PDB file of N, CA and C in Angstrom:
ATOM      1  N   UNK A   1       0.839  -1.177   0.000  1.00  0.00           N
ATOM      2  CA  UNK A   1       0.000   0.000   0.000  1.00  0.00           C
ATOM      3  C   UNK A   1       0.888   1.246   0.000  1.00  0.00           C
ATOM      4  N   UNK A   2       0.505   2.244  -0.745  1.00  0.00           N
ATOM      5  CA  UNK A   2       1.295   3.471  -0.866  1.00  0.00           C
ATOM      6  C   UNK A   2       1.133   4.343   0.372  1.00  0.00           C
ATOM      7  N   UNK A   3       2.156   5.142   0.657  1.00  0.00           N
ATOM      8  CA  UNK A   3       2.106   6.107   1.756  1.00  0.00           C
ATOM      9  C   UNK A   3       1.716   7.459   1.188  1.00  0.00           C
ATOM     10  N   UNK A   4       0.907   8.221   1.943  1.00  0.00           N
ATOM     11  CA  UNK A   4       0.493   9.542   1.510  1.00  0.00           C
ATOM     12  C   UNK A   4       0.838  10.550   2.594  1.00  0.00           C
ATOM     13  N   UNK A   5       1.126  11.769   2.177  1.00  0.00           N
ATOM     14  CA  UNK A   5       1.373  12.830   3.143  1.00  0.00           C
ATOM     15  C   UNK A   5       0.993  14.159   2.527  1.00  0.00           C
ATOM     16  N   UNK A   6       0.785  15.172   3.368  1.00  0.00           N
ATOM     17  CA  UNK A   6       0.493  16.506   2.870  1.00  0.00           C
ATOM     18  C   UNK A   6       1.783  17.215   2.509  1.00  0.00           C
ATOM     19  N   UNK A   7       1.786  17.924   1.417  1.00  0.00           N
ATOM     20  CA  UNK A   7       2.961  18.654   0.982  1.00  0.00           C
ATOM     21  C   UNK A   7       2.544  19.992   0.395  1.00  0.00           C
ATOM     22  N   UNK A   8       3.296  21.044   0.720  1.00  0.00           N
ATOM     23  CA  UNK A   8       3.030  22.348   0.138  1.00  0.00           C
ATOM     24  C   UNK A   8       3.257  22.260  -1.370  1.00  0.00           C
ATOM     25  N   UNK A   9       2.372  22.884  -2.120  1.00  0.00           N
ATOM     26  CA  UNK A   9       2.425  22.792  -3.574  1.00  0.00           C
ATOM     27  C   UNK A   9       2.610  24.166  -4.194  1.00  0.00           C
ATOM     28  N   UNK A  10       3.164  24.192  -5.389  1.00  0.00           N
ATOM     29  CA  UNK A  10       3.327  25.412  -6.163  1.00  0.00           C
ATOM     30  C   UNK A  10       2.506  25.275  -7.438  1.00  0.00           C
ATOM     31  N   UNK A  11       1.782  26.343  -7.760  1.00  0.00           N
ATOM     32  CA  UNK A  11       0.885  26.337  -8.910  1.00  0.00           C
ATOM     33  C   UNK A  11       1.197  27.519  -9.823  1.00  0.00           C
ATOM     34  N   UNK A  12       0.791  27.400 -11.072  1.00  0.00           N
ATOM     35  CA  UNK A  12       0.895  28.506 -12.024  1.00  0.00           C
ATOM     36  C   UNK A  12       0.107  29.694 -11.466  1.00  0.00           C
ATOM     37  N   UNK A  13       0.704  30.866 -11.466  1.00  0.00           N
ATOM     38  CA  UNK A  13       0.040  32.053 -10.907  1.00  0.00           C
ATOM     39  C   UNK A  13      -1.188  32.456 -11.717  1.00  0.00           C
ATOM     40  N   UNK A  14      -1.219  32.064 -12.974  1.00  0.00           N
ATOM     41  CA  UNK A  14      -2.288  32.505 -13.865  1.00  0.00           C
ATOM     42  C   UNK A  14      -3.524  31.605 -13.798  1.00  0.00           C
ATOM     43  N   UNK A  15      -3.322  30.281 -13.790  1.00  0.00           N
ATOM     44  CA  UNK A  15      -4.476  29.366 -13.869  1.00  0.00           C
ATOM     45  C   UNK A  15      -4.569  28.392 -12.697  1.00  0.00           C
ATOM     46  N   UNK A  16      -3.626  28.450 -11.762  1.00  0.00           N
ATOM     47  CA  UNK A  16      -3.623  27.584 -10.572  1.00  0.00           C
ATOM     48  C   UNK A  16      -3.330  26.112 -10.875  1.00  0.00           C
ATOM     49  N   UNK A  17      -2.788  25.811 -12.032  1.00  0.00           N
ATOM     50  CA  UNK A  17      -2.390  24.450 -12.383  1.00  0.00           C
ATOM     51  C   UNK A  17      -1.227  24.025 -11.487  1.00  0.00           C
ATOM     52  N   UNK A  18      -1.322  22.857 -10.852  1.00  0.00           N
ATOM     53  CA  UNK A  18      -0.262  22.327 -10.000  1.00  0.00           C
ATOM     54  C   UNK A  18       0.979  22.037 -10.840  1.00  0.00           C
ATOM     55  N   UNK A  19       2.141  22.618 -10.453  1.00  0.00           N
ATOM     56  CA  UNK A  19       3.360  22.398 -11.234  1.00  0.00           C
ATOM     57  C   UNK A  19       4.520  21.812 -10.435  1.00  0.00           C
ATOM     58  N   UNK A  20       4.520  21.926  -9.103  1.00  0.00           N
ATOM     59  CA  UNK A  20       5.645  21.387  -8.332  1.00  0.00           C
ATOM     60  C   UNK A  20       5.280  21.266  -6.856  1.00  0.00           C
ATOM     61  N   UNK A  21       6.053  20.440  -6.159  1.00  0.00           N
ATOM     62  CA  UNK A  21       5.910  20.282  -4.718  1.00  0.00           C
ATOM     63  C   UNK A  21       7.120  20.869  -3.996  1.00  0.00           C
ATOM     64  N   UNK A  22       6.875  21.405  -2.810  1.00  0.00           N
ATOM     65  CA  UNK A  22       7.930  22.004  -1.992  1.00  0.00           C
ATOM     66  C   UNK A  22       9.074  21.009  -1.725  1.00  0.00           C
ATOM     67  N   UNK A  23       8.725  19.749  -1.533  1.00  0.00           N
ATOM     68  CA  UNK A  23       9.731  18.718  -1.246  1.00  0.00           C
ATOM     69  C   UNK A  23      10.736  18.545  -2.381  1.00  0.00           C
ATOM     70  N   UNK A  24      10.410  19.021  -3.565  1.00  0.00           N
ATOM     71  CA  UNK A  24      11.291  18.861  -4.730  1.00  0.00           C
ATOM     72  C   UNK A  24      12.206  20.055  -4.956  1.00  0.00           C
ATOM     73  N   UNK A  25      12.188  21.046  -4.044  1.00  0.00           N
ATOM     74  CA  UNK A  25      13.090  22.193  -4.181  1.00  0.00           C
ATOM     75  C   UNK A  25      14.516  21.765  -3.860  1.00  0.00           C
ATOM     76  N   UNK A  26      15.418  22.069  -4.778  1.00  0.00           N
ATOM     77  CA  UNK A  26      16.843  21.805  -4.590  1.00  0.00           C
ATOM     78  C   UNK A  26      17.516  23.056  -4.034  1.00  0.00           C
ATOM     79  N   UNK A  27      17.093  24.234  -4.530  1.00  0.00           N
ATOM     80  CA  UNK A  27      17.691  25.495  -4.089  1.00  0.00           C
ATOM     81  C   UNK A  27      16.705  26.641  -4.278  1.00  0.00           C
ATOM     82  N   UNK A  28      16.727  27.573  -3.309  1.00  0.00           N
ATOM     83  CA  UNK A  28      15.931  28.794  -3.413  1.00  0.00           C
ATOM     84  C   UNK A  28      16.814  29.985  -3.759  1.00  0.00           C
ATOM     85  N   UNK A  29      18.067  29.737  -4.068  1.00  0.00           N
ATOM     86  CA  UNK A  29      19.045  30.797  -4.310  1.00  0.00           C
ATOM     87  C   UNK A  29      19.315  31.064  -5.784  1.00  0.00           C
ATOM     88  N   UNK A  30      18.345  30.830  -6.640  1.00  0.00           N
ATOM     89  CA  UNK A  30      18.547  31.074  -8.066  1.00  0.00           C
ATOM     90  C   UNK A  30      18.020  32.449  -8.437  1.00  0.00           C
ATOM     91  N   UNK A  31      18.592  32.985  -9.496  1.00  0.00           N
ATOM     92  CA  UNK A  31      18.238  34.316  -9.958  1.00  0.00           C
ATOM     93  C   UNK A  31      17.815  34.232 -11.419  1.00  0.00           C
ATOM     94  N   UNK A  32      16.671  34.793 -11.713  1.00  0.00           N
ATOM     95  CA  UNK A  32      16.199  34.919 -13.094  1.00  0.00           C
ATOM     96  C   UNK A  32      16.270  36.392 -13.458  1.00  0.00           C
ATOM     97  N   UNK A  33      16.077  36.717 -14.706  1.00  0.00           N
ATOM     98  CA  UNK A  33      16.142  38.120 -15.121  1.00  0.00           C
ATOM     99  C   UNK A  33      15.080  38.966 -14.422  1.00  0.00           C
ATOM    100  N   UNK A  34      13.993  38.319 -13.991  1.00  0.00           N
ATOM    101  CA  UNK A  34      12.899  39.036 -13.342  1.00  0.00           C
ATOM    102  C   UNK A  34      12.956  38.990 -11.818  1.00  0.00           C
ATOM    103  N   UNK A  35      13.938  38.308 -11.248  1.00  0.00           N
ATOM    104  CA  UNK A  35      14.035  38.211  -9.793  1.00  0.00           C
ATOM    105  C   UNK A  35      14.353  36.799  -9.338  1.00  0.00           C
ATOM    106  N   UNK A  36      13.961  36.499  -8.113  1.00  0.00           N
ATOM    107  CA  UNK A  36      14.273  35.192  -7.526  1.00  0.00           C
ATOM    108  C   UNK A  36      13.596  34.053  -8.266  1.00  0.00           C
ATOM    109  N   UNK A  37      14.244  32.885  -8.144  1.00  0.00           N
ATOM    110  CA  UNK A  37      13.713  31.674  -8.754  1.00  0.00           C
ATOM    111  C   UNK A  37      14.130  30.483  -7.909  1.00  0.00           C
ATOM    112  N   UNK A  38      13.398  29.388  -8.047  1.00  0.00           N
ATOM    113  CA  UNK A  38      13.683  28.165  -7.305  1.00  0.00           C
ATOM    114  C   UNK A  38      14.100  27.076  -8.280  1.00  0.00           C
ATOM    115  N   UNK A  39      15.073  26.264  -7.875  1.00  0.00           N
ATOM    116  CA  UNK A  39      15.495  25.108  -8.659  1.00  0.00           C
ATOM    117  C   UNK A  39      14.792  23.876  -8.094  1.00  0.00           C
ATOM    118  N   UNK A  40      14.059  23.174  -8.953  1.00  0.00           N
ATOM    119  CA  UNK A  40      13.315  21.973  -8.564  1.00  0.00           C
ATOM    120  C   UNK A  40      13.927  20.747  -9.224  1.00  0.00           C
ATOM    121  N   UNK A  41      13.902  19.634  -8.505  1.00  0.00           N
ATOM    122  CA  UNK A  41      14.368  18.370  -9.080  1.00  0.00           C
ATOM    123  C   UNK A  41      13.316  17.774 -10.017  1.00  0.00           C
ATOM    124  N   UNK A  42      12.070  18.179  -9.810  1.00  0.00           N
ATOM    125  CA  UNK A  42      10.968  17.622 -10.598  1.00  0.00           C
ATOM    126  C   UNK A  42       9.850  18.658 -10.704  1.00  0.00           C
ATOM    127  N   UNK A  43       9.168  18.674 -11.822  1.00  0.00           N
ATOM    128  CA  UNK A  43       7.973  19.505 -11.997  1.00  0.00           C
ATOM    129  C   UNK A  43       6.972  18.691 -12.800  1.00  0.00           C
ATOM    130  N   UNK A  44       5.703  19.099 -12.763  1.00  0.00           N
ATOM    131  CA  UNK A  44       4.651  18.357 -13.455  1.00  0.00           C
ATOM    132  C   UNK A  44       3.732  19.331 -14.171  1.00  0.00           C
ATOM    133  N   UNK A  45       2.923  18.812 -15.050  1.00  0.00           N
ATOM    134  CA  UNK A  45       1.938  19.618 -15.781  1.00  0.00           C
ATOM    135  C   UNK A  45       2.588  20.799 -16.498  1.00  0.00           C
ATOM    136  N   UNK A  46       3.737  20.518 -17.082  1.00  0.00           N
ATOM    137  CA  UNK A  46       4.479  21.525 -17.840  1.00  0.00           C
ATOM    138  C   UNK A  46       4.739  21.007 -19.242  1.00  0.00           C
ATOM    139  N   UNK A  47       5.052  21.921 -20.131  1.00  0.00           N
ATOM    140  CA  UNK A  47       5.524  21.541 -21.457  1.00  0.00           C
ATOM    141  C   UNK A  47       6.824  22.286 -21.710  1.00  0.00           C
ATOM    142  N   UNK A  48       7.635  21.733 -22.586  1.00  0.00           N
ATOM    143  CA  UNK A  48       8.949  22.307 -22.867  1.00  0.00           C
ATOM    144  C   UNK A  48       8.983  22.940 -24.243  1.00  0.00           C
ATOM    145  N   UNK A  49       9.686  24.051 -24.327  1.00  0.00           N
ATOM    146  CA  UNK A  49       9.937  24.693 -25.612  1.00  0.00           C
ATOM    147  C   UNK A  49      11.146  24.049 -26.283  1.00  0.00           C
ATOM    148  N   UNK A  50      11.605  24.675 -27.335  1.00  0.00           N
ATOM    149  CA  UNK A  50      12.755  24.176 -28.084  1.00  0.00           C
ATOM    150  C   UNK A  50      14.032  24.307 -27.261  1.00  0.00           C
ATOM    151  N   UNK A  51      14.935  23.356 -27.442  1.00  0.00           N
ATOM    152  CA  UNK A  51      16.239  23.411 -26.776  1.00  0.00           C
ATOM    153  C   UNK A  51      17.083  24.479 -27.460  1.00  0.00           C
ATOM    154  N   UNK A  52      17.835  25.219 -26.638  1.00  0.00           N
ATOM    155  CA  UNK A  52      18.752  26.208 -27.195  1.00  0.00           C
ATOM    156  C   UNK A  52      19.901  26.443 -26.230  1.00  0.00           C
ATOM    157  N   UNK A  53      21.034  26.820 -26.779  1.00  0.00           N
ATOM    158  CA  UNK A  53      22.176  27.169 -25.940  1.00  0.00           C
ATOM    159  C   UNK A  53      22.024  28.604 -25.478  1.00  0.00           C
ATOM    160  N   UNK A  54      22.244  28.820 -24.171  1.00  0.00           N
ATOM    161  CA  UNK A  54      22.175  30.167 -23.594  1.00  0.00           C
ATOM    162  C   UNK A  54      23.373  30.403 -22.704  1.00  0.00           C
ATOM    163  N   UNK A  55      23.904  31.598 -22.791  1.00  0.00           N
ATOM    164  CA  UNK A  55      24.958  32.022 -21.889  1.00  0.00           C
ATOM    165  C   UNK A  55      24.276  32.608 -20.655  1.00  0.00           C
ATOM    166  N   UNK A  56      24.311  31.878 -19.546  1.00  0.00           N
ATOM    167  CA  UNK A  56      23.704  32.328 -18.300  1.00  0.00           C
ATOM    168  C   UNK A  56      24.805  32.830 -17.366  1.00  0.00           C
ATOM    169  N   UNK A  57      24.427  33.319 -16.200  1.00  0.00           N
ATOM    170  CA  UNK A  57      25.415  33.855 -15.251  1.00  0.00           C
ATOM    171  C   UNK A  57      26.456  32.815 -14.863  1.00  0.00           C
ATOM    172  N   UNK A  58      26.083  31.543 -14.897  1.00  0.00           N
ATOM    173  CA  UNK A  58      27.007  30.479 -14.487  1.00  0.00           C
ATOM    174  C   UNK A  58      27.643  29.749 -15.662  1.00  0.00           C
ATOM    175  N   UNK A  59      27.543  30.312 -16.854  1.00  0.00           N
ATOM    176  CA  UNK A  59      28.193  29.697 -18.010  1.00  0.00           C
ATOM    177  C   UNK A  59      27.205  29.272 -19.078  1.00  0.00           C
ATOM    178  N   UNK A  60      27.731  28.565 -20.069  1.00  0.00           N
ATOM    179  CA  UNK A  60      26.928  28.108 -21.205  1.00  0.00           C
ATOM    180  C   UNK A  60      26.139  26.860 -20.816  1.00  0.00           C
ATOM    181  N   UNK A  61      24.851  26.875 -21.131  1.00  0.00           N
ATOM    182  CA  UNK A  61      23.963  25.750 -20.855  1.00  0.00           C
ATOM    183  C   UNK A  61      23.032  25.549 -22.049  1.00  0.00           C
ATOM    184  N   UNK A  62      22.618  24.305 -22.266  1.00  0.00           N
ATOM    185  CA  UNK A  62      21.507  24.029 -23.171  1.00  0.00           C
ATOM    186  C   UNK A  62      20.264  23.970 -22.293  1.00  0.00           C
ATOM    187  N   UNK A  63      19.276  24.787 -22.629  1.00  0.00           N
ATOM    188  CA  UNK A  63      18.055  24.882 -21.828  1.00  0.00           C
ATOM    189  C   UNK A  63      16.828  24.823 -22.733  1.00  0.00           C
ATOM    190  N   UNK A  64      15.693  24.592 -22.120  1.00  0.00           N
ATOM    191  CA  UNK A  64      14.397  24.666 -22.812  1.00  0.00           C
ATOM    192  C   UNK A  64      13.457  25.427 -21.908  1.00  0.00           C
ATOM    193  N   UNK A  65      12.751  26.385 -22.450  1.00  0.00           N
ATOM    194  CA  UNK A  65      11.780  27.125 -21.654  1.00  0.00           C
ATOM    195  C   UNK A  65      10.686  26.171 -21.186  1.00  0.00           C
ATOM    196  N   UNK A  66      10.134  26.461 -19.995  1.00  0.00           N
ATOM    197  CA  UNK A  66       9.089  25.647 -19.374  1.00  0.00           C
ATOM    198  C   UNK A  66       7.795  26.458 -19.383  1.00  0.00           C
ATOM    199  N   UNK A  67       6.705  25.816 -19.821  1.00  0.00           N
ATOM    200  CA  UNK A  67       5.398  26.462 -19.906  1.00  0.00           C
ATOM    201  C   UNK A  67       4.370  25.657 -19.120  1.00  0.00           C
ATOM    202  N   UNK A  68       3.385  26.337 -18.566  1.00  0.00           N
ATOM    203  CA  UNK A  68       2.249  25.678 -17.929  1.00  0.00           C
ATOM    204  C   UNK A  68       1.498  24.895 -19.012  1.00  0.00           C
ATOM    205  N   UNK A  69       1.208  23.634 -18.731  1.00  0.00           N
ATOM    206  CA  UNK A  69       0.524  22.812 -19.737  1.00  0.00           C
ATOM    207  C   UNK A  69      -0.943  23.189 -19.913  1.00  0.00           C
ATOM    208  N   UNK A  70      -1.515  23.926 -18.963  1.00  0.00           N
ATOM    209  CA  UNK A  70      -2.922  24.327 -19.084  1.00  0.00           C
ATOM    210  C   UNK A  70      -3.083  25.652 -19.833  1.00  0.00           C
ATOM    211  N   UNK A  71      -2.395  26.705 -19.372  1.00  0.00           N
ATOM    212  CA  UNK A  71      -2.626  28.032 -19.956  1.00  0.00           C
ATOM    213  C   UNK A  71      -1.506  28.507 -20.878  1.00  0.00           C
ATOM    214  N   UNK A  72      -0.372  27.811 -20.883  1.00  0.00           N
ATOM    215  CA  UNK A  72       0.726  28.177 -21.778  1.00  0.00           C
ATOM    216  C   UNK A  72       1.640  29.270 -21.257  1.00  0.00           C
ATOM    217  N   UNK A  73       1.435  29.718 -20.028  1.00  0.00           N
ATOM    218  CA  UNK A  73       2.278  30.769 -19.445  1.00  0.00           C
ATOM    219  C   UNK A  73       3.715  30.258 -19.279  1.00  0.00           C
ATOM    220  N   UNK A  74       4.696  31.071 -19.666  1.00  0.00           N
ATOM    221  CA  UNK A  74       6.100  30.706 -19.452  1.00  0.00           C
ATOM    222  C   UNK A  74       6.410  30.847 -17.963  1.00  0.00           C
ATOM    223  N   UNK A  75       6.950  29.769 -17.376  1.00  0.00           N
ATOM    224  CA  UNK A  75       7.204  29.742 -15.938  1.00  0.00           C
ATOM    225  C   UNK A  75       8.688  29.727 -15.572  1.00  0.00           C
ATOM    226  N   UNK A  76       9.538  29.347 -16.499  1.00  0.00           N
ATOM    227  CA  UNK A  76      10.971  29.243 -16.209  1.00  0.00           C
ATOM    228  C   UNK A  76      11.676  28.477 -17.302  1.00  0.00           C
ATOM    229  N   UNK A  77      12.620  27.619 -16.904  1.00  0.00           N
ATOM    230  CA  UNK A  77      13.358  26.840 -17.892  1.00  0.00           C
ATOM    231  C   UNK A  77      13.857  25.543 -17.276  1.00  0.00           C
ATOM    232  N   UNK A  78      14.226  24.613 -18.145  1.00  0.00           N
ATOM    233  CA  UNK A  78      14.803  23.342 -17.735  1.00  0.00           C
ATOM    234  C   UNK A  78      16.232  23.279 -18.248  1.00  0.00           C
ATOM    235  N   UNK A  79      17.139  22.846 -17.378  1.00  0.00           N
ATOM    236  CA  UNK A  79      18.523  22.636 -17.786  1.00  0.00           C
ATOM    237  C   UNK A  79      18.623  21.281 -18.479  1.00  0.00           C
ATOM    238  N   UNK A  80      19.033  21.296 -19.725  1.00  0.00           N
ATOM    239  CA  UNK A  80      19.216  20.066 -20.487  1.00  0.00           C
ATOM    240  C   UNK A  80      20.662  19.608 -20.383  1.00  0.00           C
ATOM    241  N   UNK A  81      21.593  20.557 -20.578  1.00  0.00           N
ATOM    242  CA  UNK A  81      23.023  20.221 -20.540  1.00  0.00           C
ATOM    243  C   UNK A  81      23.804  21.398 -19.972  1.00  0.00           C
ATOM    244  N   UNK A  82      24.764  21.080 -19.116  1.00  0.00           N
ATOM    245  CA  UNK A  82      25.696  22.081 -18.589  1.00  0.00           C
ATOM    246  C   UNK A  82      27.069  21.763 -19.167  1.00  0.00           C
ATOM    247  N   UNK A  83      27.764  22.764 -19.651  1.00  0.00           N
ATOM    248  CA  UNK A  83      29.054  22.531 -20.295  1.00  0.00           C
ATOM    249  C   UNK A  83      30.224  22.604 -19.323  1.00  0.00           C
ATOM    250  N   UNK A  84      30.017  23.247 -18.182  1.00  0.00           N
ATOM    251  CA  UNK A  84      31.066  23.315 -17.171  1.00  0.00           C
ATOM    252  C   UNK A  84      30.817  22.231 -16.132  1.00  0.00           C
ATOM    253  N   UNK A  85      31.869  21.544 -15.741  1.00  0.00           N
ATOM    254  CA  UNK A  85      31.765  20.430 -14.806  1.00  0.00           C
ATOM    255  C   UNK A  85      31.079  20.822 -13.500  1.00  0.00           C
ATOM    256  N   UNK A  86      31.360  22.005 -13.000  1.00  0.00           N
ATOM    257  CA  UNK A  86      30.795  22.438 -11.715  1.00  0.00           C
ATOM    258  C   UNK A  86      29.282  22.689 -11.789  1.00  0.00           C
ATOM    259  N   UNK A  87      28.736  22.752 -12.990  1.00  0.00           N
ATOM    260  CA  UNK A  87      27.309  23.035 -13.179  1.00  0.00           C
ATOM    261  C   UNK A  87      26.491  21.803 -13.571  1.00  0.00           C
ATOM    262  N   UNK A  88      27.132  20.652 -13.687  1.00  0.00           N
ATOM    263  CA  UNK A  88      26.461  19.423 -14.135  1.00  0.00           C
ATOM    264  C   UNK A  88      25.293  19.019 -13.233  1.00  0.00           C
ATOM    265  N   UNK A  89      25.319  19.400 -11.957  1.00  0.00           N
ATOM    266  CA  UNK A  89      24.240  19.034 -11.033  1.00  0.00           C
ATOM    267  C   UNK A  89      22.892  19.615 -11.459  1.00  0.00           C
ATOM    268  N   UNK A  90      22.902  20.626 -12.319  1.00  0.00           N
ATOM    269  CA  UNK A  90      21.666  21.271 -12.773  1.00  0.00           C
ATOM    270  C   UNK A  90      20.961  20.486 -13.881  1.00  0.00           C
ATOM    271  N   UNK A  91      21.676  19.603 -14.539  1.00  0.00           N
ATOM    272  CA  UNK A  91      21.098  18.892 -15.681  1.00  0.00           C
ATOM    273  C   UNK A  91      19.834  18.132 -15.284  1.00  0.00           C
ATOM    274  N   UNK A  92      18.775  18.331 -16.061  1.00  0.00           N
ATOM    275  CA  UNK A  92      17.501  17.668 -15.818  1.00  0.00           C
ATOM    276  C   UNK A  92      16.618  18.381 -14.804  1.00  0.00           C
ATOM    277  N   UNK A  93      17.118  19.432 -14.196  1.00  0.00           N
ATOM    278  CA  UNK A  93      16.350  20.152 -13.175  1.00  0.00           C
ATOM    279  C   UNK A  93      15.634  21.360 -13.797  1.00  0.00           C
ATOM    280  N   UNK A  94      14.637  21.842 -13.077  1.00  0.00           N
ATOM    281  CA  UNK A  94      13.764  22.902 -13.589  1.00  0.00           C
ATOM    282  C   UNK A  94      13.836  24.126 -12.692  1.00  0.00           C
ATOM    283  N   UNK A  95      13.957  25.286 -13.309  1.00  0.00           N
ATOM    284  CA  UNK A  95      13.910  26.560 -12.592  1.00  0.00           C
ATOM    285  C   UNK A  95      12.543  27.173 -12.830  1.00  0.00           C
ATOM    286  N   UNK A  96      11.854  27.502 -11.728  1.00  0.00           N
ATOM    287  CA  UNK A  96      10.569  28.203 -11.818  1.00  0.00           C
ATOM    288  C   UNK A  96      10.740  29.565 -11.173  1.00  0.00           C
ATOM    289  N   UNK A  97      10.356  30.611 -11.910  1.00  0.00           N
ATOM    290  CA  UNK A  97      10.493  31.974 -11.395  1.00  0.00           C
ATOM    291  C   UNK A  97       9.468  32.203 -10.293  1.00  0.00           C
ATOM    292  N   UNK A  98       9.919  32.772  -9.191  1.00  0.00           N
ATOM    293  CA  UNK A  98       9.073  32.920  -7.997  1.00  0.00           C
ATOM    294  C   UNK A  98       7.794  33.712  -8.288  1.00  0.00           C
ATOM    295  N   UNK A  99       7.882  34.763  -9.087  1.00  0.00           N
ATOM    296  CA  UNK A  99       6.682  35.574  -9.328  1.00  0.00           C
ATOM    297  C   UNK A  99       5.700  34.906 -10.287  1.00  0.00           C
ATOM    298  N   UNK A 100       6.087  33.762 -10.870  1.00  0.00           N
ATOM    299  CA  UNK A 100       5.205  33.048 -11.792  1.00  0.00           C
ATOM    300  C   UNK A 100       4.497  31.855 -11.140  1.00  0.00           C
ATOM    301  N   UNK A 101       4.812  31.609  -9.855  1.00  0.00           N
ATOM    302  CA  UNK A 101       4.167  30.502  -9.151  1.00  0.00           C
ATOM    303  C   UNK A 101       3.582  31.006  -7.836  1.00  0.00           C
ATOM    304  N   UNK A 102       2.524  30.335  -7.380  1.00  0.00           N
ATOM    305  CA  UNK A 102       1.900  30.666  -6.104  1.00  0.00           C
ATOM    306  C   UNK A 102       1.870  29.416  -5.239  1.00  0.00           C
ATOM    307  N   UNK A 103       1.909  29.622  -3.932  1.00  0.00           N
ATOM    308  CA  UNK A 103       1.891  28.516  -2.985  1.00  0.00           C
ATOM    309  C   UNK A 103       0.456  28.147  -2.660  1.00  0.00           C
ATOM    310  N   UNK A 104       0.207  26.870  -2.660  1.00  0.00           N
ATOM    311  CA  UNK A 104      -1.071  26.344  -2.197  1.00  0.00           C
ATOM    312  C   UNK A 104      -0.797  25.488  -0.976  1.00  0.00           C
ATOM    313  N   UNK A 105      -1.769  25.345  -0.115  1.00  0.00           N
ATOM    314  CA  UNK A 105      -1.623  24.566   1.120  1.00  0.00           C
ATOM    315  C   UNK A 105      -1.278  23.120   0.857  1.00  0.00           C
ATOM    316  N   UNK A 106      -1.432  22.319   1.867  1.00  0.00           N
ATOM    317  CA  UNK A 106      -1.065  20.902   1.774  1.00  0.00           C
ATOM    318  C   UNK A 106      -1.927  20.174   0.753  1.00  0.00           C
ATOM    319  N   UNK A 107      -1.240  19.488  -0.140  1.00  0.00           N
ATOM    320  CA  UNK A 107      -1.868  18.672  -1.177  1.00  0.00           C
ATOM    321  C   UNK A 107      -1.408  17.238  -0.894  1.00  0.00           C
ATOM    322  N   UNK A 108      -2.254  16.296  -1.106  1.00  0.00           N
ATOM    323  CA  UNK A 108      -1.861  14.902  -0.884  1.00  0.00           C
ATOM    324  C   UNK A 108      -0.883  14.487  -1.978  1.00  0.00           C
ATOM    325  N   UNK A 109       0.264  14.032  -1.543  1.00  0.00           N
ATOM    326  CA  UNK A 109       1.302  13.585  -2.466  1.00  0.00           C
ATOM    327  C   UNK A 109       1.613  12.125  -2.181  1.00  0.00           C
ATOM    328  N   UNK A 110       1.558  11.316  -3.198  1.00  0.00           N
ATOM    329  CA  UNK A 110       1.873   9.905  -3.048  1.00  0.00           C
ATOM    330  C   UNK A 110       3.377   9.752  -2.862  1.00  0.00           C
ATOM    331  N   UNK A 111       3.770   9.069  -1.810  1.00  0.00           N
ATOM    332  CA  UNK A 111       5.186   8.852  -1.523  1.00  0.00           C
ATOM    333  C   UNK A 111       5.636   7.507  -2.108  1.00  0.00           C
ATOM    334  N   UNK A 112       6.809   7.489  -2.738  1.00  0.00           N
ATOM    335  CA  UNK A 112       7.296   6.212  -3.270  1.00  0.00           C
ATOM    336  C   UNK A 112       7.617   5.238  -2.143  1.00  0.00           C
ATOM    337  N   UNK A 113       7.421   3.978  -2.416  1.00  0.00           N
ATOM    338  CA  UNK A 113       7.753   2.944  -1.429  1.00  0.00           C
ATOM    339  C   UNK A 113       9.253   2.774  -1.364  1.00  0.00           C
ATOM    340  N   UNK A 114       9.731   2.522  -0.181  1.00  0.00           N
ATOM    341  CA  UNK A 114      11.187   2.341   0.004  1.00  0.00           C
ATOM    342  C   UNK A 114      11.504   0.882   0.190  1.00  0.00           C
TER     343      UNK A 114
END
């Protein structure tokens, strides 16, 4: 039987579509052009734009913009590839801009069995 617990959730600010859980935050110390951003290990109900190389503050990365799958609002980006060894930990992770997401109370999240 699966275990369930309440977890703080993050939703698209525009349509309230669930996009991430608080437990999946890797770092709150990210910076986007518009302000603070959070790095998540996982996000849901998103779609990805085209991959492109971008020169970011931490070096060259291949990224894809992240959009809400319901309303299409751009929420951040996903790191596809990091070219500098010190940045490899970002690969596969998603950055969501703080002003583009809102916090919702505890949502039931299915916990994986150990």
